C-alpha atoms as a PDB file:
ATOM      1  CA  MET A   1     133.687 168.601  43.110  1.00  0.00           C
ATOM      2  CA  PRO A   2     135.115 172.233  44.886  1.00  0.00           C
ATOM      3  CA  LYS A   3     131.312 172.415  45.465  1.00  0.00           C
ATOM      4  CA  LEU A   4     131.475 169.255  47.056  1.00  0.00           C
ATOM      5  CA  LYS A   5     134.241 169.894  49.539  1.00  0.00           C
ATOM      6  CA  VAL A   6     132.711 173.216  50.446  1.00  0.00           C
ATOM      7  CA  PHE A   7     129.579 171.797  51.249  1.00  0.00           C
ATOM      8  CA  GLY A   8     131.141 169.000  53.256  1.00  0.00           C
ATOM      9  CA  ALA A   9     132.822 170.999  55.038  1.00  0.00           C
ATOM     10  CA  PHE A  10     129.914 173.104  56.033  1.00  0.00           C
ATOM     11  CA  VAL A  11     128.227 170.183  56.952  1.00  0.00           C
ATOM     12  CA  ALA A  12     131.350 169.169  59.284  1.00  0.00           C
ATOM     13  CA  ALA A  13     131.576 172.283  60.921  1.00  0.00           C
ATOM     14  CA  ILE A  14     127.564 172.676  61.386  1.00  0.00           C
ATOM     15  CA  ILE A  15     127.886 169.444  62.928  1.00  0.00           C
ATOM     16  CA  VAL A  16     130.746 170.298  65.212  1.00  0.00           C
ATOM     17  CA  LEU A  17     128.919 172.971  66.554  1.00  0.00           C
ATOM     18  CA  VAL A  18     125.990 170.904  67.505  1.00  0.00           C
ATOM     19  CA  ILE A  19     128.191 168.642  69.121  1.00  0.00           C
ATOM     20  CA  GLY A  20     130.087 171.470  70.985  1.00  0.00           C
ATOM     21  CA  ALA A  21     127.031 173.184  71.810  1.00  0.00           C
ATOM     22  CA  GLY A  22     125.622 169.916  73.049  1.00  0.00           C
ATOM     23  CA  ALA A  23     128.532 169.301  74.612  1.00  0.00           C
ATOM     24  CA  TYR A  24     128.250 172.617  76.263  1.00  0.00           C
ATOM     25  CA  LEU A  25     124.964 172.653  77.213  1.00  0.00           C
ATOM     26  CA  TYR A  26     124.766 169.129  79.063  1.00  0.00           C
ATOM     27  CA  TRP A  27     127.512 170.714  80.837  1.00  0.00           C
ATOM     28  CA  THR A  28     125.999 173.937  82.018  1.00  0.00           C
ATOM     29  CA  TRP A  29     123.192 171.424  82.640  1.00  0.00           C
ATOM     30  CA  HIS A  30     124.879 169.302  85.188  1.00  0.00           C
ATOM     31  CA  HIS A  31     127.842 171.091  86.299  1.00  0.00           C
ATOM     32  CA  PRO A  32     127.764 172.051  90.120  1.00  0.00           C
ATOM     33  CA  LEU A  33     126.362 174.918  91.121  1.00  0.00           C
ATOM     34  CA  GLU A  34     127.063 177.366  94.225  1.00  0.00           C
ATOM     35  CA  PRO A  35     123.825 179.448  94.766  1.00  0.00           C
ATOM     36  CA  GLY A  36     124.868 179.837  98.998  1.00  0.00           C
ATOM     37  CA  THR A  37     122.299 180.315 101.347  1.00  0.00           C
ATOM     38  CA  ASP A  38     120.637 183.196 100.278  1.00  0.00           C
ATOM     39  CA  THR A  39     117.172 183.164  99.195  1.00  0.00           C
ATOM     40  CA  TYR A  40     115.359 183.488  95.584  1.00  0.00           C
ATOM     41  CA  LEU A  41     112.229 185.180  95.299  1.00  0.00           C
ATOM     42  CA  VAL A  42     110.095 184.090  92.133  1.00  0.00           C
ATOM     43  CA  LYS A  43     107.313 186.250  91.694  1.00  0.00           C
ATOM     44  CA  PRO A  44     104.043 185.243  89.978  1.00  0.00           C
ATOM     45  CA  GLY A  45     104.278 185.393  86.408  1.00  0.00           C
ATOM     46  CA  THR A  46     107.959 185.063  86.498  1.00  0.00           C
ATOM     47  CA  SER A  47     109.113 183.974  83.131  1.00  0.00           C
ATOM     48  CA  MET A  48     111.985 181.349  81.653  1.00  0.00           C
ATOM     49  CA  ARG A  49     113.859 184.648  80.741  1.00  0.00           C
ATOM     50  CA  GLY A  50     113.594 186.290  83.831  1.00  0.00           C
ATOM     51  CA  LEU A  51     114.072 183.180  86.395  1.00  0.00           C
ATOM     52  CA  ALA A  52     117.369 182.541  84.090  1.00  0.00           C
ATOM     53  CA  GLN A  53     118.782 186.400  84.178  1.00  0.00           C
ATOM     54  CA  GLN A  54     117.792 186.555  87.848  1.00  0.00           C
ATOM     55  CA  LEU A  55     120.020 184.040  88.614  1.00  0.00           C
ATOM     56  CA  TYR A  56     122.668 184.959  86.335  1.00  0.00           C
ATOM     57  CA  GLU A  57     122.869 188.374  88.304  1.00  0.00           C
ATOM     58  CA  ARG A  58     123.108 186.675  91.322  1.00  0.00           C
ATOM     59  CA  GLY A  59     126.222 184.169  90.179  1.00  0.00           C
ATOM     60  CA  VAL A  60     124.152 181.195  90.496  1.00  0.00           C
ATOM     61  CA  ILE A  61     124.836 180.039  87.148  1.00  0.00           C
ATOM     62  CA  PRO A  62     127.403 181.448  84.420  1.00  0.00           C
ATOM     63  CA  GLU A  63     125.167 183.205  81.939  1.00  0.00           C
ATOM     64  CA  PRO A  64     121.376 182.760  81.240  1.00  0.00           C
ATOM     65  CA  HIS A  65     121.052 181.029  78.019  1.00  0.00           C
ATOM     66  CA  SER A  66     121.577 177.380  79.022  1.00  0.00           C
ATOM     67  CA  LEU A  67     118.706 177.399  81.386  1.00  0.00           C
ATOM     68  CA  ARG A  68     116.348 179.426  79.127  1.00  0.00           C
ATOM     69  CA  TRP A  69     117.238 176.500  76.866  1.00  0.00           C
ATOM     70  CA  LEU A  70     116.725 173.788  79.393  1.00  0.00           C
ATOM     71  CA  GLY A  71     113.379 175.074  80.252  1.00  0.00           C
ATOM     72  CA  TYR A  72     112.484 175.292  76.266  1.00  0.00           C
ATOM     73  CA  VAL A  73     113.433 171.765  75.193  1.00  0.00           C
ATOM     74  CA  SER A  74     112.325 169.993  78.571  1.00  0.00           C
ATOM     75  CA  GLY A  75     108.822 171.966  77.854  1.00  0.00           C
ATOM     76  CA  ARG A  76     108.679 173.703  80.978  1.00  0.00           C
ATOM     77  CA  SER A  77     109.232 177.194  80.446  1.00  0.00           C
ATOM     78  CA  ARG A  78     105.789 177.994  81.673  1.00  0.00           C
ATOM     79  CA  GLN A  79     105.394 175.513  84.985  1.00  0.00           C
ATOM     80  CA  LEU A  80     107.701 177.804  87.108  1.00  0.00           C
ATOM     81  CA  LYS A  81     105.667 178.277  90.781  1.00  0.00           C
ATOM     82  CA  ALA A  82     106.199 181.466  92.407  1.00  0.00           C
ATOM     83  CA  GLY A  83     107.688 181.601  96.098  1.00  0.00           C
ATOM     84  CA  GLU A  84     110.927 181.755  97.796  1.00  0.00           C
ATOM     85  CA  TYR A  85     113.533 179.207  97.115  1.00  0.00           C
ATOM     86  CA  ARG A  86     116.805 178.169  98.756  1.00  0.00           C
ATOM     87  CA  PHE A  87     118.933 176.078  96.764  1.00  0.00           C
ATOM     88  CA  ARG A  88     121.072 173.025  98.072  1.00  0.00           C
ATOM     89  CA  PRO A  89     124.694 173.559  97.654  1.00  0.00           C
ATOM     90  CA  HIS A  90     126.194 171.747  94.538  1.00  0.00           C
ATOM     91  CA  ILE A  91     122.278 171.519  93.382  1.00  0.00           C
ATOM     92  CA  ASN A  92     123.023 170.947  89.429  1.00  0.00           C
ATOM     93  CA  ALA A  93     120.771 173.127  86.556  1.00  0.00           C
ATOM     94  CA  VAL A  94     118.921 170.430  86.405  1.00  0.00           C
ATOM     95  CA  GLU A  95     118.107 169.541  89.431  1.00  0.00           C
ATOM     96  CA  LEU A  96     117.035 173.246  90.290  1.00  0.00           C
ATOM     97  CA  LEU A  97     114.817 173.767  87.589  1.00  0.00           C
ATOM     98  CA  ASP A  98     112.655 170.479  88.885  1.00  0.00           C
ATOM     99  CA  GLN A  99     112.730 172.364  92.589  1.00  0.00           C
ATOM    100  CA  VAL A 100     111.126 175.333  90.975  1.00  0.00           C
ATOM    101  CA  VAL A 101     108.541 173.789  88.884  1.00  0.00           C
ATOM    102  CA  ALA A 102     107.713 171.237  91.496  1.00  0.00           C
ATOM    103  CA  GLY A 103     107.334 174.226  93.649  1.00  0.00           C
ATOM    104  CA  ARG A 104     109.766 173.009  96.558  1.00  0.00           C
ATOM    105  CA  VAL A 105     109.655 176.492  98.586  1.00  0.00           C
ATOM    106  CA  ILE A 106     111.068 177.410 101.694  1.00  0.00           C
ATOM    107  CA  GLU A 107     108.793 176.430 104.801  1.00  0.00           C
ATOM    108  CA  TYR A 108     108.260 178.476 107.633  1.00  0.00           C
ATOM    109  CA  PRO A 109     106.970 176.970 111.098  1.00  0.00           C
ATOM    110  CA  VAL A 110     104.755 178.740 113.359  1.00  0.00           C
ATOM    111  CA  ILE A 111     103.695 177.061 116.450  1.00  0.00           C
ATOM    112  CA  PHE A 112     100.836 176.638 118.776  1.00  0.00           C
ATOM    113  CA  VAL A 113     101.104 175.329 122.157  1.00  0.00           C
ATOM    114  CA  GLU A 114      98.909 172.938 123.659  1.00  0.00           C
ATOM    115  CA  GLY A 115      97.208 174.564 126.547  1.00  0.00           C
ATOM    116  CA  TRP A 116      97.653 178.572 125.215  1.00  0.00           C
ATOM    117  CA  ASN A 117      94.740 180.848 124.725  1.00  0.00           C
ATOM    118  CA  PHE A 118      93.541 182.723 122.008  1.00  0.00           C
ATOM    119  CA  SER A 119      96.159 185.706 122.810  1.00  0.00           C
ATOM    120  CA  GLN A 120      99.230 183.884 122.239  1.00  0.00           C
ATOM    121  CA  VAL A 121      97.900 182.062 119.033  1.00  0.00           C
ATOM    122  CA  MET A 122      97.283 185.513 117.695  1.00  0.00           C
ATOM    123  CA  LYS A 123     100.825 186.704 118.897  1.00  0.00           C
ATOM    124  CA  ALA A 124     102.565 183.675 117.978  1.00  0.00           C
ATOM    125  CA  LEU A 125     100.897 184.514 114.168  1.00  0.00           C
ATOM    126  CA  ALA A 126     101.821 188.102 114.415  1.00  0.00           C
ATOM    127  CA  ALA A 127     105.652 187.574 115.166  1.00  0.00           C
ATOM    128  CA  ALA A 128     106.106 185.135 112.361  1.00  0.00           C
ATOM    129  CA  PRO A 129     108.189 186.115 109.729  1.00  0.00           C
ATOM    130  CA  LYS A 130     107.214 186.227 105.877  1.00  0.00           C
ATOM    131  CA  LEU A 131     103.657 185.510 107.101  1.00  0.00           C
ATOM    132  CA  THR A 132     101.339 188.461 105.628  1.00  0.00           C
ATOM    133  CA  GLN A 133      99.195 189.925 108.124  1.00  0.00           C
ATOM    134  CA  THR A 134      95.534 190.608 107.308  1.00  0.00           C
ATOM    135  CA  LEU A 135      94.002 190.211 111.152  1.00  0.00           C
ATOM    136  CA  THR A 136      96.104 193.288 112.471  1.00  0.00           C
ATOM    137  CA  GLY A 137      93.706 195.398 114.930  1.00  0.00           C
ATOM    138  CA  LEU A 138      90.798 193.046 114.437  1.00  0.00           C
ATOM    139  CA  THR A 139      88.889 191.732 117.434  1.00  0.00           C
ATOM    140  CA  PRO A 140      88.051 187.936 118.804  1.00  0.00           C
ATOM    141  CA  ALA A 141      84.686 188.409 117.075  1.00  0.00           C
ATOM    142  CA  GLN A 142      85.607 189.720 113.691  1.00  0.00           C
ATOM    143  CA  ILE A 143      88.607 187.170 113.329  1.00  0.00           C
ATOM    144  CA  MET A 144      85.821 184.672 113.752  1.00  0.00           C
ATOM    145  CA  ALA A 145      83.663 186.554 111.302  1.00  0.00           C
ATOM    146  CA  ARG A 146      86.919 186.143 108.564  1.00  0.00           C
ATOM    147  CA  LEU A 147      87.111 182.533 109.392  1.00  0.00           C
ATOM    148  CA  GLY A 148      83.064 181.817 108.472  1.00  0.00           C
ATOM    149  CA  HIS A 149      82.087 181.368 112.272  1.00  0.00           C
ATOM    150  CA  PRO A 150      80.782 184.554 113.833  1.00  0.00           C
ATOM    151  CA  GLU A 151      79.062 182.891 116.337  1.00  0.00           C
ATOM    152  CA  LEU A 152      81.729 181.083 118.366  1.00  0.00           C
ATOM    153  CA  HIS A 153      84.223 182.610 120.558  1.00  0.00           C
ATOM    154  CA  PRO A 154      87.743 181.717 119.603  1.00  0.00           C
ATOM    155  CA  GLU A 155      88.923 180.116 122.445  1.00  0.00           C
ATOM    156  CA  GLY A 156      89.984 176.509 121.875  1.00  0.00           C
ATOM    157  CA  ARG A 157      88.888 176.187 118.264  1.00  0.00           C
ATOM    158  CA  PHE A 158      92.474 175.857 116.928  1.00  0.00           C
ATOM    159  CA  PHE A 159      94.581 172.862 117.454  1.00  0.00           C
ATOM    160  CA  PRO A 160      97.937 173.388 118.885  1.00  0.00           C
ATOM    161  CA  ASP A 161     100.486 172.127 116.413  1.00  0.00           C
ATOM    162  CA  THR A 162     103.228 173.049 113.773  1.00  0.00           C
ATOM    163  CA  TYR A 163     102.011 174.443 110.928  1.00  0.00           C
ATOM    164  CA  TYR A 164     104.446 175.453 107.949  1.00  0.00           C
ATOM    165  CA  TYR A 165     103.703 178.182 105.704  1.00  0.00           C
ATOM    166  CA  SER A 166     105.634 179.781 102.558  1.00  0.00           C
ATOM    167  CA  THR A 167     106.271 183.654 101.915  1.00  0.00           C
ATOM    168  CA  GLY A 168     102.928 184.838 101.143  1.00  0.00           C
ATOM    169  CA  SER A 169     101.245 182.743 102.931  1.00  0.00           C
ATOM    170  CA  THR A 170      98.604 185.176 105.403  1.00  0.00           C
ATOM    171  CA  ASP A 171      97.670 184.503 109.261  1.00  0.00           C
ATOM    172  CA  LEU A 172      94.551 183.989 108.309  1.00  0.00           C
ATOM    173  CA  ALA A 173      95.133 180.703 105.935  1.00  0.00           C
ATOM    174  CA  ILE A 174      97.127 179.049 109.140  1.00  0.00           C
ATOM    175  CA  LEU A 175      94.043 180.422 111.559  1.00  0.00           C
ATOM    176  CA  THR A 176      91.769 178.167 108.877  1.00  0.00           C
ATOM    177  CA  ARG A 177      94.248 175.233 108.807  1.00  0.00           C
ATOM    178  CA  ALA A 178      94.440 175.136 112.920  1.00  0.00           C
ATOM    179  CA  PHE A 179      90.513 175.449 113.067  1.00  0.00           C
ATOM    180  CA  LYS A 180      89.605 172.544 110.447  1.00  0.00           C
ATOM    181  CA  ARG A 181      91.979 170.445 112.053  1.00  0.00           C
ATOM    182  CA  MET A 182      90.988 171.058 115.406  1.00  0.00           C
ATOM    183  CA  GLN A 183      87.143 170.423 114.108  1.00  0.00           C
ATOM    184  CA  THR A 184      88.341 166.870 112.556  1.00  0.00           C
ATOM    185  CA  ARG A 185      89.715 165.804 116.119  1.00  0.00           C
ATOM    186  CA  LEU A 186      87.184 166.942 118.044  1.00  0.00           C
ATOM    187  CA  GLU A 187      84.971 165.136 115.532  1.00  0.00           C
ATOM    188  CA  GLU A 188      86.758 162.139 115.467  1.00  0.00           C
ATOM    189  CA  GLU A 189      87.067 161.170 119.300  1.00  0.00           C
ATOM    190  CA  TRP A 190      83.199 162.720 119.307  1.00  0.00           C
ATOM    191  CA  GLU A 191      82.149 159.401 117.255  1.00  0.00           C
ATOM    192  CA  ARG A 192      84.182 156.998 119.260  1.00  0.00           C
ATOM    193  CA  ARG A 193      82.774 158.852 122.809  1.00  0.00           C
ATOM    194  CA  ALA A 194      82.266 156.276 125.668  1.00  0.00           C
ATOM    195  CA  ALA A 195      78.400 156.180 126.322  1.00  0.00           C
ATOM    196  CA  ASP A 196      76.068 158.179 129.112  1.00  0.00           C
ATOM    197  CA  LEU A 197      78.939 160.894 129.606  1.00  0.00           C
ATOM    198  CA  PRO A 198      77.416 164.412 130.795  1.00  0.00           C
ATOM    199  CA  LEU A 199      78.469 165.915 127.688  1.00  0.00           C
ATOM    200  CA  PRO A 200      75.439 166.039 125.242  1.00  0.00           C
ATOM    201  CA  THR A 201      77.495 168.859 122.873  1.00  0.00           C
ATOM    202  CA  MET A 202      80.554 168.503 121.129  1.00  0.00           C
ATOM    203  CA  ASP A 203      81.496 171.908 122.353  1.00  0.00           C
ATOM    204  CA  GLU A 204      81.236 171.002 125.953  1.00  0.00           C
ATOM    205  CA  ALA A 205      83.457 168.273 125.167  1.00  0.00           C
ATOM    206  CA  LEU A 206      85.567 171.019 123.707  1.00  0.00           C
ATOM    207  CA  VAL A 207      84.927 173.142 127.141  1.00  0.00           C
ATOM    208  CA  MET A 208      85.916 169.894 129.278  1.00  0.00           C
ATOM    209  CA  ALA A 209      89.362 168.993 127.342  1.00  0.00           C
ATOM    210  CA  SER A 210      90.799 172.580 127.450  1.00  0.00           C
ATOM    211  CA  VAL A 211      90.344 172.262 131.410  1.00  0.00           C
ATOM    212  CA  ILE A 212      91.809 169.109 131.780  1.00  0.00           C
ATOM    213  CA  GLU A 213      94.512 170.354 129.504  1.00  0.00           C
ATOM    214  CA  LYS A 214      95.238 173.369 131.697  1.00  0.00           C
ATOM    215  CA  GLU A 215      94.850 170.886 135.208  1.00  0.00           C
ATOM    216  CA  THR A 216      97.975 168.877 134.245  1.00  0.00           C
ATOM    217  CA  GLY A 217     100.888 168.075 131.960  1.00  0.00           C
ATOM    218  CA  ASP A 218     100.744 164.658 133.074  1.00  0.00           C
ATOM    219  CA  ALA A 219      99.261 162.696 130.024  1.00  0.00           C
ATOM    220  CA  ALA A 220      99.324 160.062 132.045  1.00  0.00           C
ATOM    221  CA  GLU A 221      96.766 161.987 134.418  1.00  0.00           C
ATOM    222  CA  ARG A 222      94.200 163.486 132.082  1.00  0.00           C
ATOM    223  CA  ARG A 223      92.337 160.598 132.109  1.00  0.00           C
ATOM    224  CA  GLN A 224      92.232 160.409 136.044  1.00  0.00           C
ATOM    225  CA  ILE A 225      91.355 163.889 136.178  1.00  0.00           C
ATOM    226  CA  ALA A 226      88.591 163.878 133.150  1.00  0.00           C
ATOM    227  CA  GLY A 227      87.257 160.857 135.501  1.00  0.00           C
ATOM    228  CA  VAL A 228      87.068 162.991 138.606  1.00  0.00           C
ATOM    229  CA  PHE A 229      85.394 165.855 136.517  1.00  0.00           C
ATOM    230  CA  ILE A 230      82.696 163.378 134.845  1.00  0.00           C
ATOM    231  CA  ASN A 231      81.854 162.299 138.374  1.00  0.00           C
ATOM    232  CA  ARG A 232      81.220 165.583 139.646  1.00  0.00           C
ATOM    233  CA  LEU A 233      78.947 166.504 136.539  1.00  0.00           C
ATOM    234  CA  ARG A 234      77.283 163.546 137.530  1.00  0.00           C
ATOM    235  CA  LYS A 235      76.458 164.016 141.532  1.00  0.00           C
ATOM    236  CA  ARG A 236      76.210 167.904 140.411  1.00  0.00           C
ATOM    237  CA  MET A 237      79.225 169.500 142.109  1.00  0.00           C
ATOM    238  CA  LYS A 238      80.910 172.017 141.287  1.00  0.00           C
ATOM    239  CA  LEU A 239      83.922 171.562 139.438  1.00  0.00           C
ATOM    240  CA  GLN A 240      86.310 173.462 141.670  1.00  0.00           C
ATOM    241  CA  SER A 241      89.175 174.071 138.964  1.00  0.00           C
ATOM    242  CA  ASP A 242      91.566 176.266 139.502  1.00  0.00           C
ATOM    243  CA  PRO A 243      92.392 177.145 135.833  1.00  0.00           C
ATOM    244  CA  THR A 244      89.169 178.468 134.671  1.00  0.00           C
ATOM    245  CA  VAL A 245      89.357 181.071 137.882  1.00  0.00           C
ATOM    246  CA  ILE A 246      92.429 181.928 136.609  1.00  0.00           C
ATOM    247  CA  TYR A 247      91.356 182.322 133.013  1.00  0.00           C
ATOM    248  CA  GLY A 248      88.076 184.578 134.598  1.00  0.00           C
ATOM    249  CA  MET A 249      90.539 186.601 136.260  1.00  0.00           C
ATOM    250  CA  GLY A 250      92.194 187.515 132.988  1.00  0.00           C
ATOM    251  CA  VAL A 251      95.260 190.221 133.305  1.00  0.00           C
ATOM    252  CA  THR A 252      94.420 190.651 136.732  1.00  0.00           C
ATOM    253  CA  TYR A 253      95.762 187.157 137.561  1.00  0.00           C
ATOM    254  CA  ASN A 254      99.158 187.732 139.136  1.00  0.00           C
ATOM    255  CA  GLY A 255     100.279 184.357 139.639  1.00  0.00           C
ATOM    256  CA  ASN A 256      98.258 183.096 142.822  1.00  0.00           C
ATOM    257  CA  ILE A 257      95.055 182.583 143.543  1.00  0.00           C
ATOM    258  CA  ARG A 258      93.274 184.337 146.983  1.00  0.00           C
ATOM    259  CA  LEU A 259      90.331 183.067 148.752  1.00  0.00           C
ATOM    260  CA  VAL A 260      88.680 186.273 147.456  1.00  0.00           C
ATOM    261  CA  ASP A 261      89.317 185.247 144.352  1.00  0.00           C
ATOM    262  CA  LEU A 262      87.606 181.821 144.638  1.00  0.00           C
ATOM    263  CA  ARG A 263      84.664 183.652 146.073  1.00  0.00           C
ATOM    264  CA  ARG A 264      84.558 186.257 143.534  1.00  0.00           C
ATOM    265  CA  ASP A 265      81.778 185.056 140.999  1.00  0.00           C
ATOM    266  CA  ASN A 266      82.101 185.322 136.966  1.00  0.00           C
ATOM    267  CA  ALA A 267      80.764 182.708 134.671  1.00  0.00           C
ATOM    268  CA  TYR A 268      84.169 181.021 134.766  1.00  0.00           C
ATOM    269  CA  ASN A 269      84.351 180.206 138.371  1.00  0.00           C
ATOM    270  CA  THR A 270      83.655 176.754 138.775  1.00  0.00           C
ATOM    271  CA  TYR A 271      84.233 177.571 142.853  1.00  0.00           C
ATOM    272  CA  THR A 272      80.964 179.463 142.605  1.00  0.00           C
ATOM    273  CA  ARG A 273      79.022 177.911 139.692  1.00  0.00           C
ATOM    274  CA  TYR A 274      78.144 174.813 138.534  1.00  0.00           C
ATOM    275  CA  GLY A 275      78.456 172.918 135.394  1.00  0.00           C
ATOM    276  CA  LEU A 276      81.069 173.943 132.777  1.00  0.00           C
ATOM    277  CA  PRO A 277      82.396 177.500 132.002  1.00  0.00           C
ATOM    278  CA  PRO A 278      80.951 178.881 129.099  1.00  0.00           C
ATOM    279  CA  THR A 279      83.617 178.927 126.774  1.00  0.00           C
ATOM    280  CA  PRO A 280      86.841 176.624 126.475  1.00  0.00           C
ATOM    281  CA  ILE A 281      89.983 178.212 128.406  1.00  0.00           C
ATOM    282  CA  ALA A 282      92.961 176.861 126.190  1.00  0.00           C
ATOM    283  CA  MET A 283      93.819 175.208 123.109  1.00  0.00           C
ATOM    284  CA  PRO A 284      93.287 171.117 124.537  1.00  0.00           C
ATOM    285  CA  GLY A 285      95.995 168.921 122.546  1.00  0.00           C
ATOM    286  CA  ALA A 286      94.446 165.199 120.904  1.00  0.00           C
ATOM    287  CA  GLU A 287      95.346 163.926 124.812  1.00  0.00           C
ATOM    288  CA  SER A 288      92.867 165.993 126.163  1.00  0.00           C
ATOM    289  CA  LEU A 289      90.552 165.403 123.770  1.00  0.00           C
ATOM    290  CA  ALA A 290      90.422 161.803 124.164  1.00  0.00           C
ATOM    291  CA  ALA A 291      90.828 161.687 127.521  1.00  0.00           C
ATOM    292  CA  ALA A 292      87.277 164.100 127.898  1.00  0.00           C
ATOM    293  CA  LEU A 293      85.948 161.740 125.943  1.00  0.00           C
ATOM    294  CA  HIS A 294      87.238 158.861 127.530  1.00  0.00           C
ATOM    295  CA  PRO A 295      87.694 159.182 131.022  1.00  0.00           C
ATOM    296  CA  ASP A 296      88.908 156.536 133.158  1.00  0.00           C
ATOM    297  CA  ASP A 297      86.027 154.337 135.288  1.00  0.00           C
ATOM    298  CA  THR A 298      86.744 156.321 138.625  1.00  0.00           C
ATOM    299  CA  ASP A 299      85.150 156.449 141.992  1.00  0.00           C
ATOM    300  CA  ALA A 300      87.632 159.405 142.754  1.00  0.00           C
ATOM    301  CA  LEU A 301      85.535 163.165 143.024  1.00  0.00           C
ATOM    302  CA  TYR A 302      88.914 164.897 144.504  1.00  0.00           C
ATOM    303  CA  PHE A 303      92.436 165.699 143.648  1.00  0.00           C
ATOM    304  CA  VAL A 304      95.253 167.627 144.929  1.00  0.00           C
ATOM    305  CA  ALA A 305      98.652 168.669 143.289  1.00  0.00           C
ATOM    306  CA  ARG A 306     101.633 167.332 144.976  1.00  0.00           C
ATOM    307  CA  GLY A 307     103.822 169.830 144.059  1.00  0.00           C
ATOM    308  CA  ASP A 308     106.087 168.104 141.569  1.00  0.00           C
ATOM    309  CA  GLY A 309     103.426 167.662 138.923  1.00  0.00           C
ATOM    310  CA  SER A 310     101.378 165.253 139.698  1.00  0.00           C
ATOM    311  CA  HIS A 311      98.335 164.739 141.975  1.00  0.00           C
ATOM    312  CA  VAL A 312      96.712 162.690 144.430  1.00  0.00           C
ATOM    313  CA  PHE A 313      92.978 161.265 143.625  1.00  0.00           C
ATOM    314  CA  SER A 314      90.607 160.887 146.420  1.00  0.00           C
ATOM    315  CA  ASP A 315      86.979 158.971 146.842  1.00  0.00           C
ATOM    316  CA  THR A 316      86.045 161.180 149.378  1.00  0.00           C
ATOM    317  CA  LEU A 317      85.984 163.981 151.382  1.00  0.00           C
ATOM    318  CA  GLN A 318      87.925 162.318 154.279  1.00  0.00           C
ATOM    319  CA  GLU A 319      90.729 161.764 152.453  1.00  0.00           C
ATOM    320  CA  HIS A 320      90.871 164.388 149.987  1.00  0.00           C
ATOM    321  CA  ASN A 321      91.173 166.651 153.396  1.00  0.00           C
ATOM    322  CA  ALA A 322      93.944 164.560 154.483  1.00  0.00           C
ATOM    323  CA  ALA A 323      96.008 165.240 151.692  1.00  0.00           C
ATOM    324  CA  VAL A 324      95.234 168.970 151.474  1.00  0.00           C
ATOM    325  CA  ILE A 325      96.838 169.461 155.030  1.00  0.00           C
ATOM    326  CA  LYS A 326      99.782 167.197 153.892  1.00  0.00           C
ATOM    327  CA  TYR A 327     100.703 169.312 150.938  1.00  0.00           C
ATOM    328  CA  LEU A 328      99.390 172.582 151.545  1.00  0.00           C
ATOM    329  CA  LEU A 329     101.093 172.463 154.932  1.00  0.00           C
ATOM    330  CA  GLY A 330     104.424 172.371 153.146  1.00  0.00           C
ATOM    331  CA  GLY A 331     103.621 174.341 150.530  1.00  0.00           C
ATOM    332  CA  LYS A 332     103.773 172.161 147.542  1.00  0.00           C
ATOM    333  CA  ALA A 333     100.059 172.153 146.220  1.00  0.00           C
ATOM    334  CA  SER A 334      97.707 174.760 145.203  1.00  0.00           C
ATOM    335  CA  VAL A 335      94.428 174.908 146.619  1.00  0.00           C
ATOM    336  CA  GLY A 336      92.434 171.279 146.578  1.00  0.00           C
ATOM    337  CA  ARG A 337      89.157 170.618 145.532  1.00  0.00           C
END
């Protein structure tokens, strides 16, 4: 009998310990934590033990063992995703482990703005925090070669949008995403383009869209401007687009276009040359892509800026000259077409 009593006491003690340990683990797994606003880096190959130790040393969890047990008991100790994390206030250990296993890392935005040129795109990438720079010092041609398209000029080839990335992502990876997105959007618009456009290739459609993008910030006018340019191409008239002249001037442009600039010939001067410029002059957005391939059916051949962001469209040179006189004399417009 004494042996049975001892054994019973031992079993009872074990049960109490198991219940106590279970209660403690349940409490530690579900107790609200205070991770603060710091970030936590889980390096590739980090073990469950390593993660628990890091969080313990930084005061997120009261001790490391319970989190390790949570990983083992749930069978997820080998499923941790590397990356940079920030945990919300009052998160518990179960939710924290869920986040790391799911790989819900911190994402940073980098914005490519409609109408930007390639130089501005590269400056945005260079300024992006936590982005690994792999293209620093390379020429545009070398960058396009890295993308697998050495035959292409980089201007206008990247879709303007907000791209999110995590720590460790590269500038090349973001450019690749932006390039593919532009290709996809261009191909989609090309497949449903209007009939009989004087734009035989997708590349020429992209060039047209870039000119439209730089001509106006008013979405309501883009298809009208596209209609004017399409009409001028059909009639073999020069496009006479100021933004193409500005692009051709490069760093010499100081905010003003002079008569001598309009007369100085280069590949991008659509006052001296017929047809489209040889490459896009900026990144067109979705609306400009759509406008280039779905222009308004119009008789207009000219437009001039009013000075308020909108334009006056004219069918004849006489009407256009009257509009130029009205708005240029008031100092409100750029050189008309």
